[in-house]
Amino acid sequence: ATRYEKTACSYTANWHLVATILAAK
């Protein structure tokens, strides 16, 4: 469960990072 939550959190953080980069363009 912990690993799953950690992965989900990382995935969400990466998604926001990509969204920010796309928005910057």
PDB file of N, CA and C in Angstrom:
ATOM      1  N   ALA A   1       0.841  -1.197   0.000  1.00  0.00           N
ATOM      2  CA  ALA A   1       0.000   0.000   0.000  1.00  0.00           C
ATOM      3  C   ALA A   1       0.878   1.250   0.000  1.00  0.00           C
ATOM      4  N   THR A   2       1.934   1.226   0.823  1.00  0.00           N
ATOM      5  CA  THR A   2       2.816   2.395   0.911  1.00  0.00           C
ATOM      6  C   THR A   2       3.484   2.641  -0.432  1.00  0.00           C
ATOM      7  N   ARG A   3       3.963   1.570  -1.050  1.00  0.00           N
ATOM      8  CA  ARG A   3       4.645   1.709  -2.336  1.00  0.00           C
ATOM      9  C   ARG A   3       3.673   2.265  -3.375  1.00  0.00           C
ATOM     10  N   TYR A   4       2.439   1.766  -3.343  1.00  0.00           N
ATOM     11  CA  TYR A   4       1.439   2.217  -4.304  1.00  0.00           C
ATOM     12  C   TYR A   4       1.152   3.708  -4.119  1.00  0.00           C
ATOM     13  N   GLU A   5       0.995   4.115  -2.866  1.00  0.00           N
ATOM     14  CA  GLU A   5       0.698   5.519  -2.582  1.00  0.00           C
ATOM     15  C   GLU A   5       1.865   6.401  -2.999  1.00  0.00           C
ATOM     16  N   LYS A   6       3.079   5.927  -2.740  1.00  0.00           N
ATOM     17  CA  LYS A   6       4.265   6.704  -3.087  1.00  0.00           C
ATOM     18  C   LYS A   6       4.371   6.847  -4.607  1.00  0.00           C
ATOM     19  N   THR A   7       4.063   5.770  -5.320  1.00  0.00           N
ATOM     20  CA  THR A   7       4.126   5.807  -6.779  1.00  0.00           C
ATOM     21  C   THR A   7       3.067   6.749  -7.324  1.00  0.00           C
ATOM     22  N   ALA A   8       1.862   6.677  -6.761  1.00  0.00           N
ATOM     23  CA  ALA A   8       0.770   7.534  -7.211  1.00  0.00           C
ATOM     24  C   ALA A   8       1.122   8.993  -6.971  1.00  0.00           C
ATOM     25  N   CYS A   9       1.735   9.281  -5.845  1.00  0.00           N
ATOM     26  CA  CYS A   9       2.114  10.652  -5.513  1.00  0.00           C
ATOM     27  C   CYS A   9       3.161  11.134  -6.500  1.00  0.00           C
ATOM     28  N   SER A  10       4.127  10.286  -6.802  1.00  0.00           N
ATOM     29  CA  SER A  10       5.187  10.661  -7.734  1.00  0.00           C
ATOM     30  C   SER A  10       4.594  10.893  -9.118  1.00  0.00           C
ATOM     31  N   TYR A  11       3.648  10.033  -9.506  1.00  0.00           N
ATOM     32  CA  TYR A  11       3.011  10.171 -10.813  1.00  0.00           C
ATOM     33  C   TYR A  11       2.287  11.508 -10.912  1.00  0.00           C
ATOM     34  N   THR A  12       1.572  11.874  -9.843  1.00  0.00           N
ATOM     35  CA  THR A  12       0.839  13.141  -9.829  1.00  0.00           C
ATOM     36  C   THR A  12       1.805  14.309  -9.915  1.00  0.00           C
ATOM     37  N   ALA A  13       2.905  14.231  -9.183  1.00  0.00           N
ATOM     38  CA  ALA A  13       3.897  15.309  -9.194  1.00  0.00           C
ATOM     39  C   ALA A  13       4.490  15.447 -10.587  1.00  0.00           C
ATOM     40  N   ASN A  14       4.783  14.315 -11.234  1.00  0.00           N
ATOM     41  CA  ASN A  14       5.355  14.357 -12.582  1.00  0.00           C
ATOM     42  C   ASN A  14       4.351  14.947 -13.564  1.00  0.00           C
ATOM     43  N   TRP A  15       3.065  14.600 -13.395  1.00  0.00           N
ATOM     44  CA  TRP A  15       2.029  15.122 -14.292  1.00  0.00           C
ATOM     45  C   TRP A  15       1.959  16.638 -14.186  1.00  0.00           C
ATOM     46  N   HIS A  16       2.010  17.154 -12.957  1.00  0.00           N
ATOM     47  CA  HIS A  16       1.972  18.605 -12.759  1.00  0.00           C
ATOM     48  C   HIS A  16       3.205  19.250 -13.377  1.00  0.00           C
ATOM     49  N   LEU A  17       4.338  18.582 -13.264  1.00  0.00           N
ATOM     50  CA  LEU A  17       5.579  19.126 -13.820  1.00  0.00           C
ATOM     51  C   LEU A  17       5.450  19.241 -15.337  1.00  0.00           C
ATOM     52  N   VAL A  18       4.946  18.189 -15.974  1.00  0.00           N
ATOM     53  CA  VAL A  18       4.759  18.200 -17.428  1.00  0.00           C
ATOM     54  C   VAL A  18       3.758  19.275 -17.820  1.00  0.00           C
ATOM     55  N   ALA A  19       2.667  19.381 -17.070  1.00  0.00           N
ATOM     56  CA  ALA A  19       1.644  20.385 -17.371  1.00  0.00           C
ATOM     57  C   ALA A  19       2.234  21.785 -17.291  1.00  0.00           C
ATOM     58  N   THR A  20       3.103  22.010 -16.311  1.00  0.00           N
ATOM     59  CA  THR A  20       3.731  23.323 -16.151  1.00  0.00           C
ATOM     60  C   THR A  20       4.640  23.628 -17.330  1.00  0.00           C
ATOM     61  N   ILE A  21       5.397  22.627 -17.771  1.00  0.00           N
ATOM     62  CA  ILE A  21       6.308  22.824 -18.906  1.00  0.00           C
ATOM     63  C   ILE A  21       5.504  23.129 -20.170  1.00  0.00           C
ATOM     64  N   LEU A  22       4.421  22.382 -20.387  1.00  0.00           N
ATOM     65  CA  LEU A  22       3.593  22.615 -21.567  1.00  0.00           C
ATOM     66  C   LEU A  22       2.967  24.002 -21.502  1.00  0.00           C
ATOM     67  N   ALA A  23       2.556  24.412 -20.320  1.00  0.00           N
ATOM     68  CA  ALA A  23       1.940  25.726 -20.148  1.00  0.00           C
ATOM     69  C   ALA A  23       2.963  26.822 -20.425  1.00  0.00           C
ATOM     70  N   ALA A  24       4.214  26.553 -20.062  1.00  0.00           N
ATOM     71  CA  ALA A  24       5.273  27.546 -20.271  1.00  0.00           C
ATOM     72  C   ALA A  24       5.477  27.775 -21.764  1.00  0.00           C
ATOM     73  N   LYS A  25       5.300  26.719 -22.548  1.00  0.00           N
ATOM     74  CA  LYS A  25       5.446  26.847 -23.997  1.00  0.00           C
ATOM     75  C   LYS A  25       4.226  27.571 -24.557  1.00  0.00           C
TER      76      LYS A  25
END
